Amino acid sequence: DFYAQGQPDRPIKRMEIQRIDRIQGYWTVMDSTMTDLSSGH
């Protein structure tokens, strides 16, 4: 959760990981979203 400067109580954006895989021994993010919490974009 990301918070704007001077607005510590309500996040402005949220990053969520939907899928991780282990590739060549390394954990790898395969599917993720960043959401603008005010617009829903």
PDB file of all heavy atoms in Angstrom:
ATOM      1  N   ASP A   1       0.851  -1.180   0.000  1.00  0.00           N
ATOM      2  CA  ASP A   1       0.000   0.000   0.000  1.00  0.00           C
ATOM      3  C   ASP A   1       0.894   1.240   0.000  1.00  0.00           C
ATOM      4  O   ASP A   1       1.835   1.331   0.803  1.00  0.00           O
ATOM      5  CB  ASP A   1      -0.919   0.026   1.226  1.00  0.00           C
ATOM      6  CG  ASP A   1      -2.125  -0.899   1.078  1.00  0.00           C
ATOM      7  OD1 ASP A   1      -2.208  -1.612   0.052  1.00  0.00           O
ATOM      8  OD2 ASP A   1      -2.979  -0.912   1.986  1.00  0.00           O
ATOM      9  N   PHE A   2       0.596   2.184  -0.876  1.00  0.00           N
ATOM     10  CA  PHE A   2       1.385   3.397  -1.038  1.00  0.00           C
ATOM     11  C   PHE A   2       0.575   4.596  -0.543  1.00  0.00           C
ATOM     12  O   PHE A   2      -0.588   4.762  -0.932  1.00  0.00           O
ATOM     13  CB  PHE A   2       1.758   3.614  -2.510  1.00  0.00           C
ATOM     14  CG  PHE A   2       2.560   2.499  -3.110  1.00  0.00           C
ATOM     15  CD1 PHE A   2       1.936   1.378  -3.648  1.00  0.00           C
ATOM     16  CD2 PHE A   2       3.944   2.564  -3.163  1.00  0.00           C
ATOM     17  CE1 PHE A   2       2.667   0.348  -4.224  1.00  0.00           C
ATOM     18  CE2 PHE A   2       4.699   1.538  -3.731  1.00  0.00           C
ATOM     19  CZ  PHE A   2       4.047   0.429  -4.263  1.00  0.00           C
ATOM     20  N   TYR A   3       1.201   5.428   0.276  1.00  0.00           N
ATOM     21  CA  TYR A   3       0.539   6.592   0.860  1.00  0.00           C
ATOM     22  C   TYR A   3       1.199   7.870   0.346  1.00  0.00           C
ATOM     23  O   TYR A   3       2.425   7.949   0.223  1.00  0.00           O
ATOM     24  CB  TYR A   3       0.629   6.554   2.382  1.00  0.00           C
ATOM     25  CG  TYR A   3      -0.107   5.397   3.015  1.00  0.00           C
ATOM     26  CD1 TYR A   3       0.427   4.104   2.984  1.00  0.00           C
ATOM     27  CD2 TYR A   3      -1.339   5.581   3.640  1.00  0.00           C
ATOM     28  CE1 TYR A   3      -0.250   3.036   3.555  1.00  0.00           C
ATOM     29  CE2 TYR A   3      -2.019   4.516   4.229  1.00  0.00           C
ATOM     30  CZ  TYR A   3      -1.476   3.242   4.180  1.00  0.00           C
ATOM     31  OH  TYR A   3      -2.143   2.189   4.753  1.00  0.00           O
ATOM     32  N   ALA A   4       0.385   8.887   0.081  1.00  0.00           N
ATOM     33  CA  ALA A   4       0.907  10.161  -0.400  1.00  0.00           C
ATOM     34  C   ALA A   4       1.590  10.915   0.733  1.00  0.00           C
ATOM     35  O   ALA A   4       1.324  10.672   1.919  1.00  0.00           O
ATOM     36  CB  ALA A   4      -0.222  11.008  -0.982  1.00  0.00           C
ATOM     37  N   GLN A   5       2.455  11.837   0.364  1.00  0.00           N
ATOM     38  CA  GLN A   5       3.089  12.711   1.341  1.00  0.00           C
ATOM     39  C   GLN A   5       2.007  13.494   2.092  1.00  0.00           C
ATOM     40  O   GLN A   5       1.094  14.051   1.490  1.00  0.00           O
ATOM     41  CB  GLN A   5       4.012  13.713   0.629  1.00  0.00           C
ATOM     42  CG  GLN A   5       5.179  13.083  -0.097  1.00  0.00           C
ATOM     43  CD  GLN A   5       6.374  12.819   0.808  1.00  0.00           C
ATOM     44  OE1 GLN A   5       6.332  13.059   2.004  1.00  0.00           O
ATOM     45  NE2 GLN A   5       7.449  12.316   0.232  1.00  0.00           N
ATOM     46  N   GLY A   6       2.085  13.504   3.409  1.00  0.00           N
ATOM     47  CA  GLY A   6       1.140  14.259   4.220  1.00  0.00           C
ATOM     48  C   GLY A   6      -0.223  13.617   4.360  1.00  0.00           C
ATOM     49  O   GLY A   6      -1.137  14.222   4.945  1.00  0.00           O
ATOM     50  N   GLN A   7      -0.390  12.389   3.837  1.00  0.00           N
ATOM     51  CA  GLN A   7      -1.666  11.676   3.956  1.00  0.00           C
ATOM     52  C   GLN A   7      -1.388  10.254   4.449  1.00  0.00           C
ATOM     53  O   GLN A   7      -1.475   9.292   3.697  1.00  0.00           O
ATOM     54  CB  GLN A   7      -2.394  11.638   2.611  1.00  0.00           C
ATOM     55  CG  GLN A   7      -2.715  13.011   2.044  1.00  0.00           C
ATOM     56  CD  GLN A   7      -3.376  12.922   0.679  1.00  0.00           C
ATOM     57  OE1 GLN A   7      -4.128  11.998   0.389  1.00  0.00           O
ATOM     58  NE2 GLN A   7      -3.093  13.892  -0.179  1.00  0.00           N
ATOM     59  N   PRO A   8      -1.048  10.106   5.718  1.00  0.00           N
ATOM     60  CA  PRO A   8      -0.573   8.818   6.222  1.00  0.00           C
ATOM     61  C   PRO A   8      -1.663   7.787   6.498  1.00  0.00           C
ATOM     62  O   PRO A   8      -1.353   6.630   6.781  1.00  0.00           O
ATOM     63  CB  PRO A   8       0.118   9.209   7.535  1.00  0.00           C
ATOM     64  CG  PRO A   8      -0.640  10.416   8.001  1.00  0.00           C
ATOM     65  CD  PRO A   8      -1.013  11.166   6.749  1.00  0.00           C
ATOM     66  N   ASP A   9      -2.934   8.169   6.423  1.00  0.00           N
ATOM     67  CA  ASP A   9      -3.991   7.264   6.876  1.00  0.00           C
ATOM     68  C   ASP A   9      -4.718   6.526   5.760  1.00  0.00           C
ATOM     69  O   ASP A   9      -5.380   5.525   6.023  1.00  0.00           O
ATOM     70  CB  ASP A   9      -5.020   8.043   7.707  1.00  0.00           C
ATOM     71  CG  ASP A   9      -4.393   8.688   8.943  1.00  0.00           C
ATOM     72  OD1 ASP A   9      -3.507   8.046   9.545  1.00  0.00           O
ATOM     73  OD2 ASP A   9      -4.767   9.819   9.276  1.00  0.00           O
ATOM     74  N   ARG A  10      -4.621   7.012   4.533  1.00  0.00           N
ATOM     75  CA  ARG A  10      -5.386   6.405   3.452  1.00  0.00           C
ATOM     76  C   ARG A  10      -4.491   6.191   2.238  1.00  0.00           C
ATOM     77  O   ARG A  10      -3.975   7.155   1.671  1.00  0.00           O
ATOM     78  CB  ARG A  10      -6.563   7.314   3.082  1.00  0.00           C
ATOM     79  CG  ARG A  10      -7.510   6.709   2.070  1.00  0.00           C
ATOM     80  CD  ARG A  10      -8.698   7.635   1.880  1.00  0.00           C
ATOM     81  NE  ARG A  10      -9.641   7.091   0.919  1.00  0.00           N
ATOM     82  CZ  ARG A  10     -10.780   7.668   0.573  1.00  0.00           C
ATOM     83  NH1 ARG A  10     -11.106   8.818   1.133  1.00  0.00           N
ATOM     84  NH2 ARG A  10     -11.580   7.126  -0.313  1.00  0.00           N
ATOM     85  N   PRO A  11      -4.285   4.941   1.808  1.00  0.00           N
ATOM     86  CA  PRO A  11      -3.393   4.696   0.678  1.00  0.00           C
ATOM     87  C   PRO A  11      -3.975   5.238  -0.622  1.00  0.00           C
ATOM     88  O   PRO A  11      -5.201   5.279  -0.811  1.00  0.00           O
ATOM     89  CB  PRO A  11      -3.269   3.170   0.633  1.00  0.00           C
ATOM     90  CG  PRO A  11      -4.495   2.659   1.313  1.00  0.00           C
ATOM     91  CD  PRO A  11      -4.841   3.684   2.355  1.00  0.00           C
ATOM     92  N   ILE A  12      -3.085   5.648  -1.524  1.00  0.00           N
ATOM     93  CA  ILE A  12      -3.508   6.142  -2.830  1.00  0.00           C
ATOM     94  C   ILE A  12      -3.376   5.073  -3.912  1.00  0.00           C
ATOM     95  O   ILE A  12      -4.079   5.108  -4.930  1.00  0.00           O
ATOM     96  CB  ILE A  12      -2.702   7.394  -3.238  1.00  0.00           C
ATOM     97  CG1 ILE A  12      -1.191   7.112  -3.219  1.00  0.00           C
ATOM     98  CG2 ILE A  12      -3.058   8.572  -2.342  1.00  0.00           C
ATOM     99  CD1 ILE A  12      -0.352   8.213  -3.842  1.00  0.00           C
ATOM    100  N   LYS A  13      -2.480   4.116  -3.698  1.00  0.00           N
ATOM    101  CA  LYS A  13      -2.267   3.045  -4.671  1.00  0.00           C
ATOM    102  C   LYS A  13      -2.040   1.730  -3.931  1.00  0.00           C
ATOM    103  O   LYS A  13      -1.628   1.716  -2.774  1.00  0.00           O
ATOM    104  CB  LYS A  13      -1.049   3.325  -5.561  1.00  0.00           C
ATOM    105  CG  LYS A  13      -1.169   4.552  -6.427  1.00  0.00           C
ATOM    106  CD  LYS A  13      -0.186   4.536  -7.605  1.00  0.00           C
ATOM    107  CE  LYS A  13       1.235   4.265  -7.219  1.00  0.00           C
ATOM    108  NZ  LYS A  13       2.159   4.323  -8.358  1.00  0.00           N
ATOM    109  N   ARG A  14      -2.291   0.636  -4.647  1.00  0.00           N
ATOM    110  CA  ARG A  14      -2.051  -0.691  -4.053  1.00  0.00           C
ATOM    111  C   ARG A  14      -1.484  -1.622  -5.118  1.00  0.00           C
ATOM    112  O   ARG A  14      -2.031  -1.755  -6.212  1.00  0.00           O
ATOM    113  CB  ARG A  14      -3.341  -1.278  -3.486  1.00  0.00           C
ATOM    114  CG  ARG A  14      -3.200  -2.705  -2.936  1.00  0.00           C
ATOM    115  CD  ARG A  14      -4.442  -3.106  -2.169  1.00  0.00           C
ATOM    116  NE  ARG A  14      -4.586  -2.255  -0.984  1.00  0.00           N
ATOM    117  CZ  ARG A  14      -5.767  -1.934  -0.426  1.00  0.00           C
ATOM    118  NH1 ARG A  14      -6.888  -2.393  -0.962  1.00  0.00           N
ATOM    119  NH2 ARG A  14      -5.800  -1.159   0.643  1.00  0.00           N
ATOM    120  N   MET A  15      -0.372  -2.253  -4.796  1.00  0.00           N
ATOM    121  CA  MET A  15       0.210  -3.283  -5.648  1.00  0.00           C
ATOM    122  C   MET A  15      -0.104  -4.648  -5.048  1.00  0.00           C
ATOM    123  O   MET A  15       0.073  -4.858  -3.846  1.00  0.00           O
ATOM    124  CB  MET A  15       1.731  -3.101  -5.760  1.00  0.00           C
ATOM    125  CG  MET A  15       2.409  -4.004  -6.802  1.00  0.00           C
ATOM    126  SD  MET A  15       2.689  -5.707  -6.268  1.00  0.00           S
ATOM    127  CE  MET A  15       3.937  -5.483  -5.019  1.00  0.00           C
ATOM    128  N   GLU A  16      -0.599  -5.559  -5.884  1.00  0.00           N
ATOM    129  CA  GLU A  16      -0.902  -6.921  -5.430  1.00  0.00           C
ATOM    130  C   GLU A  16      -0.331  -7.929  -6.424  1.00  0.00           C
ATOM    131  O   GLU A  16      -0.408  -7.725  -7.640  1.00  0.00           O
ATOM    132  CB  GLU A  16      -2.416  -7.123  -5.304  1.00  0.00           C
ATOM    133  CG  GLU A  16      -3.062  -6.268  -4.224  1.00  0.00           C
ATOM    134  CD  GLU A  16      -4.565  -6.412  -4.185  1.00  0.00           C
ATOM    135  OE1 GLU A  16      -5.226  -5.914  -5.118  1.00  0.00           O
ATOM    136  OE2 GLU A  16      -5.083  -7.026  -3.240  1.00  0.00           O
ATOM    137  N   ILE A  17       0.243  -8.986  -5.877  1.00  0.00           N
ATOM    138  CA  ILE A  17       0.795 -10.058  -6.709  1.00  0.00           C
ATOM    139  C   ILE A  17      -0.211 -11.198  -6.775  1.00  0.00           C
ATOM    140  O   ILE A  17      -0.664 -11.695  -5.741  1.00  0.00           O
ATOM    141  CB  ILE A  17       2.140 -10.545  -6.149  1.00  0.00           C
ATOM    142  CG1 ILE A  17       3.211  -9.459  -6.343  1.00  0.00           C
ATOM    143  CG2 ILE A  17       2.571 -11.845  -6.830  1.00  0.00           C
ATOM    144  CD1 ILE A  17       4.557  -9.825  -5.780  1.00  0.00           C
ATOM    145  N   GLN A  18      -0.550 -11.588  -7.983  1.00  0.00           N
ATOM    146  CA  GLN A  18      -1.493 -12.693  -8.174  1.00  0.00           C
ATOM    147  C   GLN A  18      -0.794 -14.044  -8.359  1.00  0.00           C
ATOM    148  O   GLN A  18      -1.363 -15.083  -8.076  1.00  0.00           O
ATOM    149  CB  GLN A  18      -2.377 -12.428  -9.402  1.00  0.00           C
ATOM    150  CG  GLN A  18      -3.533 -11.459  -9.161  1.00  0.00           C
ATOM    151  CD  GLN A  18      -3.075 -10.021  -9.028  1.00  0.00           C
ATOM    152  OE1 GLN A  18      -2.225  -9.575  -9.782  1.00  0.00           O
ATOM    153  NE2 GLN A  18      -3.633  -9.303  -8.084  1.00  0.00           N
ATOM    154  N   ARG A  19       0.458 -14.005  -8.831  1.00  0.00           N
ATOM    155  CA  ARG A  19       1.130 -15.277  -9.115  1.00  0.00           C
ATOM    156  C   ARG A  19       2.630 -15.112  -9.022  1.00  0.00           C
ATOM    157  O   ARG A  19       3.192 -14.140  -9.524  1.00  0.00           O
ATOM    158  CB  ARG A  19       0.753 -15.751 -10.532  1.00  0.00           C
ATOM    159  CG  ARG A  19       1.455 -17.047 -10.963  1.00  0.00           C
ATOM    160  CD  ARG A  19       1.103 -17.387 -12.397  1.00  0.00           C
ATOM    161  NE  ARG A  19       2.086 -18.263 -13.004  1.00  0.00           N
ATOM    162  CZ  ARG A  19       2.318 -18.375 -14.305  1.00  0.00           C
ATOM    163  NH1 ARG A  19       1.619 -17.658 -15.164  1.00  0.00           N
ATOM    164  NH2 ARG A  19       3.233 -19.194 -14.762  1.00  0.00           N
ATOM    165  N   ILE A  20       3.274 -16.049  -8.345  1.00  0.00           N
ATOM    166  CA  ILE A  20       4.728 -16.138  -8.346  1.00  0.00           C
ATOM    167  C   ILE A  20       5.121 -17.565  -8.716  1.00  0.00           C
ATOM    168  O   ILE A  20       4.429 -18.522  -8.381  1.00  0.00           O
ATOM    169  CB  ILE A  20       5.362 -15.741  -6.990  1.00  0.00           C
ATOM    170  CG1 ILE A  20       4.844 -16.646  -5.861  1.00  0.00           C
ATOM    171  CG2 ILE A  20       5.099 -14.288  -6.666  1.00  0.00           C
ATOM    172  CD1 ILE A  20       5.533 -16.384  -4.518  1.00  0.00           C
ATOM    173  N   ASP A  21       6.219 -17.703  -9.436  1.00  0.00           N
ATOM    174  CA  ASP A  21       6.751 -19.011  -9.812  1.00  0.00           C
ATOM    175  C   ASP A  21       8.218 -19.065  -9.430  1.00  0.00           C
ATOM    176  O   ASP A  21       8.875 -18.024  -9.282  1.00  0.00           O
ATOM    177  CB  ASP A  21       6.629 -19.262 -11.319  1.00  0.00           C
ATOM    178  CG  ASP A  21       5.215 -19.558 -11.760  1.00  0.00           C
ATOM    179  OD1 ASP A  21       4.349 -19.810 -10.895  1.00  0.00           O
ATOM    180  OD2 ASP A  21       4.959 -19.523 -12.987  1.00  0.00           O
ATOM    181  N   ARG A  22       8.737 -20.267  -9.305  1.00  0.00           N
ATOM    182  CA  ARG A  22      10.170 -20.437  -9.084  1.00  0.00           C
ATOM    183  C   ARG A  22      10.794 -20.857 -10.406  1.00  0.00           C
ATOM    184  O   ARG A  22      10.499 -21.930 -10.935  1.00  0.00           O
ATOM    185  CB  ARG A  22      10.436 -21.475  -7.994  1.00  0.00           C
ATOM    186  CG  ARG A  22      11.818 -21.344  -7.400  1.00  0.00           C
ATOM    187  CD  ARG A  22      11.920 -22.018  -6.059  1.00  0.00           C
ATOM    188  NE  ARG A  22      13.097 -21.584  -5.343  1.00  0.00           N
ATOM    189  CZ  ARG A  22      13.345 -21.875  -4.084  1.00  0.00           C
ATOM    190  NH1 ARG A  22      12.461 -22.566  -3.388  1.00  0.00           N
ATOM    191  NH2 ARG A  22      14.441 -21.454  -3.500  1.00  0.00           N
ATOM    192  N   ILE A  23      11.644 -19.986 -10.950  1.00  0.00           N
ATOM    193  CA  ILE A  23      12.254 -20.208 -12.257  1.00  0.00           C
ATOM    194  C   ILE A  23      13.769 -20.228 -12.099  1.00  0.00           C
ATOM    195  O   ILE A  23      14.349 -19.285 -11.560  1.00  0.00           O
ATOM    196  CB  ILE A  23      11.821 -19.109 -13.247  1.00  0.00           C
ATOM    197  CG1 ILE A  23      10.302 -19.180 -13.458  1.00  0.00           C
ATOM    198  CG2 ILE A  23      12.562 -19.240 -14.572  1.00  0.00           C
ATOM    199  CD1 ILE A  23       9.758 -18.079 -14.317  1.00  0.00           C
ATOM    200  N   GLN A  24      14.375 -21.325 -12.533  1.00  0.00           N
ATOM    201  CA  GLN A  24      15.840 -21.502 -12.401  1.00  0.00           C
ATOM    202  C   GLN A  24      16.288 -21.279 -10.947  1.00  0.00           C
ATOM    203  O   GLN A  24      17.385 -20.786 -10.689  1.00  0.00           O
ATOM    204  CB  GLN A  24      16.583 -20.540 -13.336  1.00  0.00           C
ATOM    205  CG  GLN A  24      16.347 -20.805 -14.814  1.00  0.00           C
ATOM    206  CD  GLN A  24      16.936 -19.720 -15.693  1.00  0.00           C
ATOM    207  OE1 GLN A  24      16.219 -19.066 -16.444  1.00  0.00           O
ATOM    208  NE2 GLN A  24      18.247 -19.520 -15.615  1.00  0.00           N
ATOM    209  N   GLY A  25      15.404 -21.606 -10.014  1.00  0.00           N
ATOM    210  CA  GLY A  25      15.720 -21.475  -8.593  1.00  0.00           C
ATOM    211  C   GLY A  25      15.407 -20.120  -7.999  1.00  0.00           C
ATOM    212  O   GLY A  25      15.555 -19.936  -6.783  1.00  0.00           O
ATOM    213  N   TYR A  26      14.937 -19.154  -8.798  1.00  0.00           N
ATOM    214  CA  TYR A  26      14.649 -17.803  -8.314  1.00  0.00           C
ATOM    215  C   TYR A  26      13.133 -17.567  -8.271  1.00  0.00           C
ATOM    216  O   TYR A  26      12.436 -17.812  -9.267  1.00  0.00           O
ATOM    217  CB  TYR A  26      15.279 -16.750  -9.238  1.00  0.00           C
ATOM    218  CG  TYR A  26      16.772 -16.887  -9.434  1.00  0.00           C
ATOM    219  CD1 TYR A  26      17.294 -17.326 -10.643  1.00  0.00           C
ATOM    220  CD2 TYR A  26      17.657 -16.571  -8.405  1.00  0.00           C
ATOM    221  CE1 TYR A  26      18.664 -17.441 -10.838  1.00  0.00           C
ATOM    222  CE2 TYR A  26      19.031 -16.680  -8.592  1.00  0.00           C
ATOM    223  CZ  TYR A  26      19.525 -17.124  -9.804  1.00  0.00           C
ATOM    224  OH  TYR A  26      20.886 -17.238  -9.989  1.00  0.00           O
ATOM    225  N   TRP A  27      12.657 -17.068  -7.138  1.00  0.00           N
ATOM    226  CA  TRP A  27      11.254 -16.684  -7.055  1.00  0.00           C
ATOM    227  C   TRP A  27      11.021 -15.482  -7.962  1.00  0.00           C
ATOM    228  O   TRP A  27      11.759 -14.499  -7.922  1.00  0.00           O
ATOM    229  CB  TRP A  27      10.873 -16.339  -5.621  1.00  0.00           C
ATOM    230  CG  TRP A  27      10.764 -17.522  -4.713  1.00  0.00           C
ATOM    231  CD1 TRP A  27      11.654 -17.927  -3.752  1.00  0.00           C
ATOM    232  CD2 TRP A  27       9.682 -18.465  -4.670  1.00  0.00           C
ATOM    233  NE1 TRP A  27      11.204 -19.063  -3.127  1.00  0.00           N
ATOM    234  CE2 TRP A  27       9.995 -19.415  -3.668  1.00  0.00           C
ATOM    235  CE3 TRP A  27       8.493 -18.604  -5.393  1.00  0.00           C
ATOM    236  CZ2 TRP A  27       9.144 -20.478  -3.357  1.00  0.00           C
ATOM    237  CZ3 TRP A  27       7.641 -19.666  -5.083  1.00  0.00           C
ATOM    238  CH2 TRP A  27       7.980 -20.589  -4.071  1.00  0.00           C
ATOM    239  N   THR A  28       9.957 -15.562  -8.778  1.00  0.00           N
ATOM    240  CA  THR A  28       9.724 -14.572  -9.829  1.00  0.00           C
ATOM    241  C   THR A  28       8.262 -14.138  -9.841  1.00  0.00           C
ATOM    242  O   THR A  28       7.362 -14.985  -9.802  1.00  0.00           O
ATOM    243  CB  THR A  28      10.085 -15.164 -11.212  1.00  0.00           C
ATOM    244  OG1 THR A  28      11.414 -15.712 -11.158  1.00  0.00           O
ATOM    245  CG2 THR A  28       9.997 -14.120 -12.301  1.00  0.00           C
ATOM    246  N   VAL A  29       8.028 -12.844  -9.899  1.00  0.00           N
ATOM    247  CA  VAL A  29       6.664 -12.316 -10.018  1.00  0.00           C
ATOM    248  C   VAL A  29       6.204 -12.497 -11.456  1.00  0.00           C
ATOM    249  O   VAL A  29       6.821 -11.968 -12.388  1.00  0.00           O
ATOM    250  CB  VAL A  29       6.597 -10.832  -9.621  1.00  0.00           C
ATOM    251  CG1 VAL A  29       5.185 -10.289  -9.839  1.00  0.00           C
ATOM    252  CG2 VAL A  29       7.027 -10.637  -8.180  1.00  0.00           C
ATOM    253  N   MET A  30       5.100 -13.235 -11.655  1.00  0.00           N
ATOM    254  CA  MET A  30       4.597 -13.522 -12.991  1.00  0.00           C
ATOM    255  C   MET A  30       3.337 -12.731 -13.334  1.00  0.00           C
ATOM    256  O   MET A  30       3.009 -12.557 -14.505  1.00  0.00           O
ATOM    257  CB  MET A  30       4.307 -15.025 -13.126  1.00  0.00           C
ATOM    258  CG  MET A  30       5.497 -15.926 -12.817  1.00  0.00           C
ATOM    259  SD  MET A  30       6.912 -15.655 -13.906  1.00  0.00           S
ATOM    260  CE  MET A  30       6.308 -16.339 -15.439  1.00  0.00           C
ATOM    261  N   ASP A  31       2.626 -12.266 -12.311  1.00  0.00           N
ATOM    262  CA  ASP A  31       1.376 -11.542 -12.558  1.00  0.00           C
ATOM    263  C   ASP A  31       1.127 -10.606 -11.380  1.00  0.00           C
ATOM    264  O   ASP A  31       1.073 -11.055 -10.232  1.00  0.00           O
ATOM    265  CB  ASP A  31       0.208 -12.525 -12.704  1.00  0.00           C
ATOM    266  CG  ASP A  31      -0.989 -11.928 -13.422  1.00  0.00           C
ATOM    267  OD1 ASP A  31      -1.062 -10.690 -13.536  1.00  0.00           O
ATOM    268  OD2 ASP A  31      -1.869 -12.698 -13.855  1.00  0.00           O
ATOM    269  N   SER A  32       1.006  -9.313 -11.653  1.00  0.00           N
ATOM    270  CA  SER A  32       0.794  -8.339 -10.589  1.00  0.00           C
ATOM    271  C   SER A  32      -0.045  -7.182 -11.109  1.00  0.00           C
ATOM    272  O   SER A  32      -0.126  -6.948 -12.326  1.00  0.00           O
ATOM    273  CB  SER A  32       2.126  -7.818 -10.040  1.00  0.00           C
ATOM    274  OG  SER A  32       2.826  -7.106 -11.042  1.00  0.00           O
ATOM    275  N   THR A  33      -0.676  -6.459 -10.191  1.00  0.00           N
ATOM    276  CA  THR A  33      -1.469  -5.300 -10.568  1.00  0.00           C
ATOM    277  C   THR A  33      -1.124  -4.123  -9.664  1.00  0.00           C
ATOM    278  O   THR A  33      -0.841  -4.301  -8.473  1.00  0.00           O
ATOM    279  CB  THR A  33      -2.984  -5.563 -10.466  1.00  0.00           C
ATOM    280  OG1 THR A  33      -3.309  -5.985  -9.136  1.00  0.00           O
ATOM    281  CG2 THR A  33      -3.438  -6.605 -11.459  1.00  0.00           C
ATOM    282  N   MET A  34      -1.153  -2.928 -10.245  1.00  0.00           N
ATOM    283  CA  MET A  34      -1.058  -1.690  -9.483  1.00  0.00           C
ATOM    284  C   MET A  34      -2.380  -0.960  -9.691  1.00  0.00           C
ATOM    285  O   MET A  34      -2.782  -0.700 -10.828  1.00  0.00           O
ATOM    286  CB  MET A  34       0.098  -0.823  -9.965  1.00  0.00           C
ATOM    287  CG  MET A  34       0.273   0.465  -9.178  1.00  0.00           C
ATOM    288  SD  MET A  34       1.005   0.225  -7.544  1.00  0.00           S
ATOM    289  CE  MET A  34       2.758   0.244  -7.974  1.00  0.00           C
ATOM    290  N   THR A  35      -3.064  -0.647  -8.591  1.00  0.00           N
ATOM    291  CA  THR A  35      -4.381  -0.034  -8.662  1.00  0.00           C
ATOM    292  C   THR A  35      -4.356   1.371  -8.092  1.00  0.00           C
ATOM    293  O   THR A  35      -3.828   1.593  -6.994  1.00  0.00           O
ATOM    294  CB  THR A  35      -5.423  -0.877  -7.880  1.00  0.00           C
ATOM    295  OG1 THR A  35      -5.431  -2.205  -8.391  1.00  0.00           O
ATOM    296  CG2 THR A  35      -6.815  -0.285  -7.996  1.00  0.00           C
ATOM    297  N   ASP A  36      -4.908   2.316  -8.846  1.00  0.00           N
ATOM    298  CA  ASP A  36      -5.145   3.669  -8.345  1.00  0.00           C
ATOM    299  C   ASP A  36      -6.434   3.600  -7.535  1.00  0.00           C
ATOM    300  O   ASP A  36      -7.520   3.393  -8.096  1.00  0.00           O
ATOM    301  CB  ASP A  36      -5.280   4.642  -9.520  1.00  0.00           C
ATOM    302  CG  ASP A  36      -5.471   6.081  -9.076  1.00  0.00           C
ATOM    303  OD1 ASP A  36      -6.273   6.325  -8.145  1.00  0.00           O
ATOM    304  OD2 ASP A  36      -4.852   6.979  -9.659  1.00  0.00           O
ATOM    305  N   LEU A  37      -6.348   3.756  -6.222  1.00  0.00           N
ATOM    306  CA  LEU A  37      -7.488   3.511  -5.355  1.00  0.00           C
ATOM    307  C   LEU A  37      -8.554   4.601  -5.433  1.00  0.00           C
ATOM    308  O   LEU A  37      -9.681   4.382  -4.981  1.00  0.00           O
ATOM    309  CB  LEU A  37      -7.017   3.336  -3.910  1.00  0.00           C
ATOM    310  CG  LEU A  37      -6.121   2.116  -3.684  1.00  0.00           C
ATOM    311  CD1 LEU A  37      -5.604   2.077  -2.249  1.00  0.00           C
ATOM    312  CD2 LEU A  37      -6.858   0.819  -4.003  1.00  0.00           C
ATOM    313  N   SER A  38      -8.230   5.752  -5.996  1.00  0.00           N
ATOM    314  CA  SER A  38      -9.251   6.796  -6.139  1.00  0.00           C
ATOM    315  C   SER A  38     -10.075   6.612  -7.417  1.00  0.00           C
ATOM    316  O   SER A  38     -11.293   6.801  -7.406  1.00  0.00           O
ATOM    317  CB  SER A  38      -8.606   8.185  -6.139  1.00  0.00           C
ATOM    318  OG  SER A  38      -7.713   8.334  -7.221  1.00  0.00           O
ATOM    319  N   SER A  39      -9.430   6.187  -8.498  1.00  0.00           N
ATOM    320  CA  SER A  39     -10.146   6.031  -9.772  1.00  0.00           C
ATOM    321  C   SER A  39     -10.552   4.591 -10.060  1.00  0.00           C
ATOM    322  O   SER A  39     -11.455   4.344 -10.871  1.00  0.00           O
ATOM    323  CB  SER A  39      -9.271   6.535 -10.922  1.00  0.00           C
ATOM    324  OG  SER A  39      -8.148   5.680 -11.102  1.00  0.00           O
ATOM    325  N   GLY A  40      -9.865   3.638  -9.427  1.00  0.00           N
ATOM    326  CA  GLY A  40     -10.107   2.233  -9.730  1.00  0.00           C
ATOM    327  C   GLY A  40      -9.358   1.750 -10.961  1.00  0.00           C
ATOM    328  O   GLY A  40      -9.413   0.556 -11.303  1.00  0.00           O
ATOM    329  N   HIS A  41      -8.636   2.638 -11.634  1.00  0.00           N
ATOM    330  CA  HIS A  41      -7.849   2.247 -12.805  1.00  0.00           C
ATOM    331  C   HIS A  41      -6.725   1.312 -12.374  1.00  0.00           C
ATOM    332  O   HIS A  41      -6.104   1.516 -11.335  1.00  0.00           O
ATOM    333  CB  HIS A  41      -7.268   3.505 -13.471  1.00  0.00           C
ATOM    334  CG  HIS A  41      -6.635   3.254 -14.801  1.00  0.00           C
ATOM    335  ND1 HIS A  41      -5.335   2.813 -14.922  1.00  0.00           N
ATOM    336  CD2 HIS A  41      -7.113   3.369 -16.064  1.00  0.00           C
ATOM    337  CE1 HIS A  41      -5.038   2.677 -16.212  1.00  0.00           C
ATOM    338  NE2 HIS A  41      -6.097   3.008 -16.927  1.00  0.00           N
TER     339      HIS A  41
END
